[in-house]
Amino acid sequence: FPSQTITGNFASVIHGLNANHLTDQVIQRSKRMILDTLGVGLLGTSTEVCHKVTQYSKIYSSDISSTIWGHLDFRLPPLYAAFVNGVAV
């Protein structure tokens, strides 16, 4: 579709993938990248900028089931939890 955005096109390609499309090398590198993201993100929760974003985001606190890393008792709507976790990374 010519009118589809780059992001939408990328999402369509990703959505159509399954494990049979991926080589063992791609799977192993992906696993390593996921672990790296988690490690960096968990370390990032102790940074000043992450603390500031967390404090600011408390105005959006809710009972929706998304948590931010390092604060399992603090819940945010998924969009804001993703933002805070992204800042940590």
PDB file of N, CA and C in Angstrom:
ATOM      1  N   PHE A   1       0.837  -1.182   0.000  1.00  0.00           N
ATOM      2  CA  PHE A   1       0.000   0.000   0.000  1.00  0.00           C
ATOM      3  C   PHE A   1       0.882   1.246   0.000  1.00  0.00           C
ATOM      4  N   PRO A   2       0.793   2.078  -1.038  1.00  0.00           N
ATOM      5  CA  PRO A   2       1.639   3.267  -1.100  1.00  0.00           C
ATOM      6  C   PRO A   2       1.358   4.273   0.009  1.00  0.00           C
ATOM      7  N   SER A   3       0.143   4.315   0.533  1.00  0.00           N
ATOM      8  CA  SER A   3      -0.190   5.297   1.560  1.00  0.00           C
ATOM      9  C   SER A   3       0.157   4.822   2.973  1.00  0.00           C
ATOM     10  N   GLN A   4       0.608   3.581   3.099  1.00  0.00           N
ATOM     11  CA  GLN A   4       0.941   3.056   4.416  1.00  0.00           C
ATOM     12  C   GLN A   4       2.241   3.691   4.919  1.00  0.00           C
ATOM     13  N   THR A   5       2.289   3.979   6.205  1.00  0.00           N
ATOM     14  CA  THR A   5       3.484   4.587   6.778  1.00  0.00           C
ATOM     15  C   THR A   5       4.620   3.564   6.843  1.00  0.00           C
ATOM     16  N   ILE A   6       5.814   4.055   7.008  1.00  0.00           N
ATOM     17  CA  ILE A   6       6.965   3.159   7.159  1.00  0.00           C
ATOM     18  C   ILE A   6       6.774   2.287   8.392  1.00  0.00           C
ATOM     19  N   THR A   7       6.321   2.886   9.470  1.00  0.00           N
ATOM     20  CA  THR A   7       6.100   2.125  10.702  1.00  0.00           C
ATOM     21  C   THR A   7       5.030   1.057  10.494  1.00  0.00           C
ATOM     22  N   GLY A   8       3.946   1.409   9.818  1.00  0.00           N
ATOM     23  CA  GLY A   8       2.888   0.438   9.549  1.00  0.00           C
ATOM     24  C   GLY A   8       3.375  -0.689   8.664  1.00  0.00           C
ATOM     25  N   ASN A   9       4.174  -0.367   7.673  1.00  0.00           N
ATOM     26  CA  ASN A   9       4.733  -1.384   6.788  1.00  0.00           C
ATOM     27  C   ASN A   9       5.661  -2.313   7.564  1.00  0.00           C
ATOM     28  N   PHE A  10       6.510  -1.740   8.400  1.00  0.00           N
ATOM     29  CA  PHE A  10       7.420  -2.530   9.224  1.00  0.00           C
ATOM     30  C   PHE A  10       6.635  -3.455  10.158  1.00  0.00           C
ATOM     31  N   ALA A  11       5.595  -2.921  10.767  1.00  0.00           N
ATOM     32  CA  ALA A  11       4.766  -3.720  11.674  1.00  0.00           C
ATOM     33  C   ALA A  11       4.107  -4.874  10.927  1.00  0.00           C
ATOM     34  N   SER A  12       3.679  -4.645   9.699  1.00  0.00           N
ATOM     35  CA  SER A  12       3.063  -5.711   8.896  1.00  0.00           C
ATOM     36  C   SER A  12       4.048  -6.838   8.614  1.00  0.00           C
ATOM     37  N   VAL A  13       5.278  -6.463   8.282  1.00  0.00           N
ATOM     38  CA  VAL A  13       6.313  -7.472   8.029  1.00  0.00           C
ATOM     39  C   VAL A  13       6.589  -8.275   9.292  1.00  0.00           C
ATOM     40  N   ILE A  14       6.763  -7.591  10.420  1.00  0.00           N
ATOM     41  CA  ILE A  14       7.033  -8.265  11.688  1.00  0.00           C
ATOM     42  C   ILE A  14       5.871  -9.181  12.064  1.00  0.00           C
ATOM     43  N   HIS A  15       4.651  -8.698  11.872  1.00  0.00           N
ATOM     44  CA  HIS A  15       3.467  -9.487  12.211  1.00  0.00           C
ATOM     45  C   HIS A  15       3.410 -10.786  11.398  1.00  0.00           C
ATOM     46  N   GLY A  16       3.897 -10.749  10.175  1.00  0.00           N
ATOM     47  CA  GLY A  16       3.865 -11.922   9.307  1.00  0.00           C
ATOM     48  C   GLY A  16       4.985 -12.920   9.552  1.00  0.00           C
ATOM     49  N   LEU A  17       5.933 -12.574  10.415  1.00  0.00           N
ATOM     50  CA  LEU A  17       7.052 -13.481  10.689  1.00  0.00           C
ATOM     51  C   LEU A  17       6.659 -14.581  11.659  1.00  0.00           C
ATOM     52  N   ASN A  18       7.308 -15.722  11.512  1.00  0.00           N
ATOM     53  CA  ASN A  18       7.234 -16.761  12.529  1.00  0.00           C
ATOM     54  C   ASN A  18       8.626 -17.367  12.662  1.00  0.00           C
ATOM     55  N   ALA A  19       8.814 -18.246  13.624  1.00  0.00           N
ATOM     56  CA  ALA A  19      10.140 -18.792  13.928  1.00  0.00           C
ATOM     57  C   ALA A  19      10.775 -19.484  12.716  1.00  0.00           C
ATOM     58  N   ASN A  20       9.980 -20.015  11.828  1.00  0.00           N
ATOM     59  CA  ASN A  20      10.527 -20.690  10.648  1.00  0.00           C
ATOM     60  C   ASN A  20      11.223 -19.731   9.691  1.00  0.00           C
ATOM     61  N   HIS A  21      10.911 -18.445   9.772  1.00  0.00           N
ATOM     62  CA  HIS A  21      11.529 -17.439   8.915  1.00  0.00           C
ATOM     63  C   HIS A  21      12.897 -16.998   9.428  1.00  0.00           C
ATOM     64  N   LEU A  22      13.228 -17.341  10.658  1.00  0.00           N
ATOM     65  CA  LEU A  22      14.435 -16.838  11.301  1.00  0.00           C
ATOM     66  C   LEU A  22      15.528 -17.901  11.344  1.00  0.00           C
ATOM     67  N   THR A  23      16.758 -17.477  11.130  1.00  0.00           N
ATOM     68  CA  THR A  23      17.894 -18.394  11.246  1.00  0.00           C
ATOM     69  C   THR A  23      18.248 -18.554  12.725  1.00  0.00           C
ATOM     70  N   ASP A  24      19.001 -19.586  13.036  1.00  0.00           N
ATOM     71  CA  ASP A  24      19.446 -19.788  14.421  1.00  0.00           C
ATOM     72  C   ASP A  24      20.268 -18.597  14.903  1.00  0.00           C
ATOM     73  N   GLN A  25      21.070 -18.023  14.023  1.00  0.00           N
ATOM     74  CA  GLN A  25      21.886 -16.869  14.394  1.00  0.00           C
ATOM     75  C   GLN A  25      21.005 -15.671  14.757  1.00  0.00           C
ATOM     76  N   VAL A  26      19.964 -15.442  14.002  1.00  0.00           N
ATOM     77  CA  VAL A  26      19.051 -14.331  14.296  1.00  0.00           C
ATOM     78  C   VAL A  26      18.354 -14.565  15.636  1.00  0.00           C
ATOM     79  N   ILE A  27      17.939 -15.778  15.894  1.00  0.00           N
ATOM     80  CA  ILE A  27      17.270 -16.099  17.163  1.00  0.00           C
ATOM     81  C   ILE A  27      18.218 -15.883  18.335  1.00  0.00           C
ATOM     82  N   GLN A  28      19.450 -16.356  18.219  1.00  0.00           N
ATOM     83  CA  GLN A  28      20.423 -16.200  19.304  1.00  0.00           C
ATOM     84  C   GLN A  28      20.756 -14.732  19.546  1.00  0.00           C
ATOM     85  N   ARG A  29      20.954 -13.973  18.477  1.00  0.00           N
ATOM     86  CA  ARG A  29      21.253 -12.537  18.634  1.00  0.00           C
ATOM     87  C   ARG A  29      20.064 -11.803  19.244  1.00  0.00           C
ATOM     88  N   SER A  30      18.871 -12.180  18.846  1.00  0.00           N
ATOM     89  CA  SER A  30      17.671 -11.546  19.400  1.00  0.00           C
ATOM     90  C   SER A  30      17.556 -11.811  20.893  1.00  0.00           C
ATOM     91  N   LYS A  31      17.822 -13.039  21.299  1.00  0.00           N
ATOM     92  CA  LYS A  31      17.781 -13.373  22.727  1.00  0.00           C
ATOM     93  C   LYS A  31      18.811 -12.548  23.494  1.00  0.00           C
ATOM     94  N   ARG A  32      19.994 -12.401  22.915  1.00  0.00           N
ATOM     95  CA  ARG A  32      21.040 -11.616  23.574  1.00  0.00           C
ATOM     96  C   ARG A  32      20.631 -10.146  23.684  1.00  0.00           C
ATOM     97  N   MET A  33      20.009  -9.619  22.632  1.00  0.00           N
ATOM     98  CA  MET A  33      19.561  -8.226  22.665  1.00  0.00           C
ATOM     99  C   MET A  33      18.471  -8.009  23.697  1.00  0.00           C
ATOM    100  N   ILE A  34      17.574  -8.979  23.834  1.00  0.00           N
ATOM    101  CA  ILE A  34      16.513  -8.873  24.839  1.00  0.00           C
ATOM    102  C   ILE A  34      17.123  -8.859  26.237  1.00  0.00           C
ATOM    103  N   LEU A  35      18.070  -9.768  26.486  1.00  0.00           N
ATOM    104  CA  LEU A  35      18.737  -9.790  27.791  1.00  0.00           C
ATOM    105  C   LEU A  35      19.506  -8.496  28.043  1.00  0.00           C
ATOM    106  N   ASP A  36      20.159  -7.975  27.009  1.00  0.00           N
ATOM    107  CA  ASP A  36      20.892  -6.721  27.140  1.00  0.00           C
ATOM    108  C   ASP A  36      19.943  -5.582  27.483  1.00  0.00           C
ATOM    109  N   THR A  37      18.802  -5.530  26.829  1.00  0.00           N
ATOM    110  CA  THR A  37      17.810  -4.491  27.102  1.00  0.00           C
ATOM    111  C   THR A  37      17.328  -4.571  28.546  1.00  0.00           C
ATOM    112  N   LEU A  38      17.049  -5.783  29.017  1.00  0.00           N
ATOM    113  CA  LEU A  38      16.605  -5.942  30.405  1.00  0.00           C
ATOM    114  C   LEU A  38      17.686  -5.504  31.385  1.00  0.00           C
ATOM    115  N   GLY A  39      18.933  -5.909  31.126  1.00  0.00           N
ATOM    116  CA  GLY A  39      20.031  -5.537  32.017  1.00  0.00           C
ATOM    117  C   GLY A  39      20.251  -4.038  32.064  1.00  0.00           C
ATOM    118  N   VAL A  40      20.304  -3.406  30.901  1.00  0.00           N
ATOM    119  CA  VAL A  40      20.501  -1.959  30.831  1.00  0.00           C
ATOM    120  C   VAL A  40      19.312  -1.239  31.470  1.00  0.00           C
ATOM    121  N   GLY A  41      18.108  -1.734  31.206  1.00  0.00           N
ATOM    122  CA  GLY A  41      16.910  -1.109  31.767  1.00  0.00           C
ATOM    123  C   GLY A  41      16.855  -1.199  33.280  1.00  0.00           C
ATOM    124  N   LEU A  42      17.219  -2.349  33.813  1.00  0.00           N
ATOM    125  CA  LEU A  42      17.217  -2.493  35.274  1.00  0.00           C
ATOM    126  C   LEU A  42      18.264  -1.593  35.913  1.00  0.00           C
ATOM    127  N   LEU A  43      19.421  -1.500  35.301  1.00  0.00           N
ATOM    128  CA  LEU A  43      20.448  -0.584  35.798  1.00  0.00           C
ATOM    129  C   LEU A  43      19.972   0.864  35.663  1.00  0.00           C
ATOM    130  N   GLY A  44      19.299   1.153  34.558  1.00  0.00           N
ATOM    131  CA  GLY A  44      18.813   2.503  34.296  1.00  0.00           C
ATOM    132  C   GLY A  44      17.774   2.990  35.287  1.00  0.00           C
ATOM    133  N   THR A  45      17.109   2.069  35.981  1.00  0.00           N
ATOM    134  CA  THR A  45      16.101   2.491  36.967  1.00  0.00           C
ATOM    135  C   THR A  45      16.725   3.259  38.127  1.00  0.00           C
ATOM    136  N   SER A  46      18.031   3.151  38.289  1.00  0.00           N
ATOM    137  CA  SER A  46      18.692   3.855  39.392  1.00  0.00           C
ATOM    138  C   SER A  46      19.256   5.213  38.982  1.00  0.00           C
ATOM    139  N   THR A  47      19.007   5.640  37.747  1.00  0.00           N
ATOM    140  CA  THR A  47      19.531   6.927  37.294  1.00  0.00           C
ATOM    141  C   THR A  47      18.630   8.079  37.718  1.00  0.00           C
ATOM    142  N   GLU A  48      19.220   9.262  37.771  1.00  0.00           N
ATOM    143  CA  GLU A  48      18.465  10.449  38.176  1.00  0.00           C
ATOM    144  C   GLU A  48      17.323  10.748  37.216  1.00  0.00           C
ATOM    145  N   VAL A  49      17.583  10.637  35.916  1.00  0.00           N
ATOM    146  CA  VAL A  49      16.536  10.943  34.937  1.00  0.00           C
ATOM    147  C   VAL A  49      15.367   9.968  35.064  1.00  0.00           C
ATOM    148  N   CYS A  50      15.651   8.717  35.316  1.00  0.00           N
ATOM    149  CA  CYS A  50      14.571   7.739  35.487  1.00  0.00           C
ATOM    150  C   CYS A  50      13.765   8.050  36.751  1.00  0.00           C
ATOM    151  N   HIS A  51      14.441   8.460  37.816  1.00  0.00           N
ATOM    152  CA  HIS A  51      13.722   8.840  39.045  1.00  0.00           C
ATOM    153  C   HIS A  51      12.794  10.025  38.778  1.00  0.00           C
ATOM    154  N   LYS A  52      13.277  11.002  38.011  1.00  0.00           N
ATOM    155  CA  LYS A  52      12.453  12.174  37.710  1.00  0.00           C
ATOM    156  C   LYS A  52      11.229  11.791  36.878  1.00  0.00           C
ATOM    157  N   VAL A  53      11.438  10.954  35.870  1.00  0.00           N
ATOM    158  CA  VAL A  53      10.323  10.525  35.016  1.00  0.00           C
ATOM    159  C   VAL A  53       9.324   9.705  35.832  1.00  0.00           C
ATOM    160  N   THR A  54       9.832   8.869  36.714  1.00  0.00           N
ATOM    161  CA  THR A  54       8.948   8.067  37.572  1.00  0.00           C
ATOM    162  C   THR A  54       8.109   8.970  38.468  1.00  0.00           C
ATOM    163  N   GLN A  55       8.749   9.954  39.092  1.00  0.00           N
ATOM    164  CA  GLN A  55       8.018  10.875  39.966  1.00  0.00           C
ATOM    165  C   GLN A  55       6.956  11.643  39.183  1.00  0.00           C
ATOM    166  N   TYR A  56       7.317  12.129  38.003  1.00  0.00           N
ATOM    167  CA  TYR A  56       6.358  12.849  37.163  1.00  0.00           C
ATOM    168  C   TYR A  56       5.186  11.949  36.777  1.00  0.00           C
ATOM    169  N   SER A  57       5.487  10.696  36.440  1.00  0.00           N
ATOM    170  CA  SER A  57       4.458   9.777  35.947  1.00  0.00           C
ATOM    171  C   SER A  57       3.473   9.353  37.021  1.00  0.00           C
ATOM    172  N   LYS A  58       3.785   9.597  38.279  1.00  0.00           N
ATOM    173  CA  LYS A  58       2.878   9.201  39.360  1.00  0.00           C
ATOM    174  C   LYS A  58       1.515   9.871  39.239  1.00  0.00           C
ATOM    175  N   ILE A  59       1.431  10.990  38.530  1.00  0.00           N
ATOM    176  CA  ILE A  59       0.128  11.631  38.354  1.00  0.00           C
ATOM    177  C   ILE A  59      -0.783  10.782  37.462  1.00  0.00           C
ATOM    178  N   TYR A  60      -0.196   9.812  36.740  1.00  0.00           N
ATOM    179  CA  TYR A  60      -0.970   8.932  35.860  1.00  0.00           C
ATOM    180  C   TYR A  60      -1.216   7.556  36.475  1.00  0.00           C
ATOM    181  N   SER A  61      -0.912   7.393  37.747  1.00  0.00           N
ATOM    182  CA  SER A  61      -1.059   6.107  38.416  1.00  0.00           C
ATOM    183  C   SER A  61      -2.476   5.550  38.244  1.00  0.00           C
ATOM    184  N   SER A  62      -2.556   4.231  38.073  1.00  0.00           N
ATOM    185  CA  SER A  62      -3.866   3.607  37.896  1.00  0.00           C
ATOM    186  C   SER A  62      -3.795   2.153  38.348  1.00  0.00           C
ATOM    187  N   ASP A  63      -4.937   1.487  38.294  1.00  0.00           N
ATOM    188  CA  ASP A  63      -4.999   0.071  38.660  1.00  0.00           C
ATOM    189  C   ASP A  63      -4.753  -0.842  37.462  1.00  0.00           C
ATOM    190  N   ILE A  64      -4.477  -0.262  36.316  1.00  0.00           N
ATOM    191  CA  ILE A  64      -4.177  -1.076  35.135  1.00  0.00           C
ATOM    192  C   ILE A  64      -2.893  -1.837  35.404  1.00  0.00           C
ATOM    193  N   SER A  65      -2.783  -3.050  34.882  1.00  0.00           N
ATOM    194  CA  SER A  65      -1.759  -3.983  35.322  1.00  0.00           C
ATOM    195  C   SER A  65      -0.357  -3.818  34.729  1.00  0.00           C
ATOM    196  N   SER A  66       0.027  -2.632  34.304  1.00  0.00           N
ATOM    197  CA  SER A  66       1.388  -2.434  33.808  1.00  0.00           C
ATOM    198  C   SER A  66       2.253  -1.837  34.912  1.00  0.00           C
ATOM    199  N   THR A  67       3.390  -2.465  35.137  1.00  0.00           N
ATOM    200  CA  THR A  67       4.306  -1.978  36.156  1.00  0.00           C
ATOM    201  C   THR A  67       5.558  -1.419  35.489  1.00  0.00           C
ATOM    202  N   ILE A  68       6.308  -0.657  36.255  1.00  0.00           N
ATOM    203  CA  ILE A  68       7.590  -0.184  35.756  1.00  0.00           C
ATOM    204  C   ILE A  68       8.683  -0.949  36.491  1.00  0.00           C
ATOM    205  N   TRP A  69       9.790  -1.126  35.810  1.00  0.00           N
ATOM    206  CA  TRP A  69      10.887  -1.915  36.371  1.00  0.00           C
ATOM    207  C   TRP A  69      11.394  -1.279  37.661  1.00  0.00           C
ATOM    208  N   GLY A  70      11.571  -2.126  38.653  1.00  0.00           N
ATOM    209  CA  GLY A  70      12.077  -1.661  39.931  1.00  0.00           C
ATOM    210  C   GLY A  70      11.017  -1.132  40.873  1.00  0.00           C
ATOM    211  N   HIS A  71       9.768  -1.087  40.441  1.00  0.00           N
ATOM    212  CA  HIS A  71       8.669  -0.561  41.267  1.00  0.00           C
ATOM    213  C   HIS A  71       7.433  -1.430  41.061  1.00  0.00           C
ATOM    214  N   LEU A  72       7.478  -2.651  41.516  1.00  0.00           N
ATOM    215  CA  LEU A  72       6.384  -3.588  41.255  1.00  0.00           C
ATOM    216  C   LEU A  72       5.063  -3.186  41.901  1.00  0.00           C
ATOM    217  N   ASP A  73       5.112  -2.304  42.900  1.00  0.00           N
ATOM    218  CA  ASP A  73       3.876  -1.877  43.564  1.00  0.00           C
ATOM    219  C   ASP A  73       3.282  -0.611  42.940  1.00  0.00           C
ATOM    220  N   PHE A  74       3.919  -0.104  41.911  1.00  0.00           N
ATOM    221  CA  PHE A  74       3.488   1.140  41.261  1.00  0.00           C
ATOM    222  C   PHE A  74       2.987   0.808  39.870  1.00  0.00           C
ATOM    223  N   ARG A  75       1.722   1.083  39.598  1.00  0.00           N
ATOM    224  CA  ARG A  75       1.111   0.743  38.312  1.00  0.00           C
ATOM    225  C   ARG A  75       0.795   1.988  37.499  1.00  0.00           C
ATOM    226  N   LEU A  76       0.999   1.845  36.198  1.00  0.00           N
ATOM    227  CA  LEU A  76       0.701   2.925  35.264  1.00  0.00           C
ATOM    228  C   LEU A  76      -0.067   2.368  34.077  1.00  0.00           C
ATOM    229  N   PRO A  77      -0.788   3.220  33.358  1.00  0.00           N
ATOM    230  CA  PRO A  77      -1.350   2.761  32.086  1.00  0.00           C
ATOM    231  C   PRO A  77      -0.195   2.284  31.190  1.00  0.00           C
ATOM    232  N   PRO A  78      -0.447   1.305  30.340  1.00  0.00           N
ATOM    233  CA  PRO A  78       0.630   0.709  29.538  1.00  0.00           C
ATOM    234  C   PRO A  78       1.492   1.718  28.776  1.00  0.00           C
ATOM    235  N   LEU A  79       0.909   2.747  28.216  1.00  0.00           N
ATOM    236  CA  LEU A  79       1.672   3.738  27.463  1.00  0.00           C
ATOM    237  C   LEU A  79       2.717   4.425  28.347  1.00  0.00           C
ATOM    238  N   TYR A  80       2.325   4.800  29.567  1.00  0.00           N
ATOM    239  CA  TYR A  80       3.228   5.494  30.463  1.00  0.00           C
ATOM    240  C   TYR A  80       4.261   4.535  31.061  1.00  0.00           C
ATOM    241  N   ALA A  81       3.869   3.313  31.350  1.00  0.00           N
ATOM    242  CA  ALA A  81       4.830   2.314  31.837  1.00  0.00           C
ATOM    243  C   ALA A  81       5.901   2.061  30.777  1.00  0.00           C
ATOM    244  N   ALA A  82       5.492   1.953  29.525  1.00  0.00           N
ATOM    245  CA  ALA A  82       6.454   1.753  28.436  1.00  0.00           C
ATOM    246  C   ALA A  82       7.392   2.949  28.326  1.00  0.00           C
ATOM    247  N   PHE A  83       6.860   4.145  28.518  1.00  0.00           N
ATOM    248  CA  PHE A  83       7.693   5.343  28.471  1.00  0.00           C
ATOM    249  C   PHE A  83       8.743   5.321  29.572  1.00  0.00           C
ATOM    250  N   VAL A  84       8.324   5.059  30.815  1.00  0.00           N
ATOM    251  CA  VAL A  84       9.259   5.043  31.934  1.00  0.00           C
ATOM    252  C   VAL A  84      10.308   3.943  31.746  1.00  0.00           C
ATOM    253  N   ASN A  85       9.871   2.757  31.344  1.00  0.00           N
ATOM    254  CA  ASN A  85      10.820   1.669  31.115  1.00  0.00           C
ATOM    255  C   ASN A  85      11.773   2.003  29.957  1.00  0.00           C
ATOM    256  N   GLY A  86      11.259   2.670  28.943  1.00  0.00           N
ATOM    257  CA  GLY A  86      12.107   3.093  27.832  1.00  0.00           C
ATOM    258  C   GLY A  86      13.159   4.106  28.268  1.00  0.00           C
ATOM    259  N   VAL A  87      12.780   5.020  29.139  1.00  0.00           N
ATOM    260  CA  VAL A  87      13.753   5.975  29.669  1.00  0.00           C
ATOM    261  C   VAL A  87      14.836   5.230  30.456  1.00  0.00           C
ATOM    262  N   ALA A  88      14.437   4.219  31.189  1.00  0.00           N
ATOM    263  CA  ALA A  88      15.420   3.439  31.961  1.00  0.00           C
ATOM    264  C   ALA A  88      16.431   2.766  31.019  1.00  0.00           C
ATOM    265  N   VAL A  89      15.961   2.285  29.886  1.00  0.00           N
ATOM    266  CA  VAL A  89      16.855   1.634  28.924  1.00  0.00           C
ATOM    267  C   VAL A  89      17.758   2.680  28.298  1.00  0.00           C
TER     268      VAL A  89
END
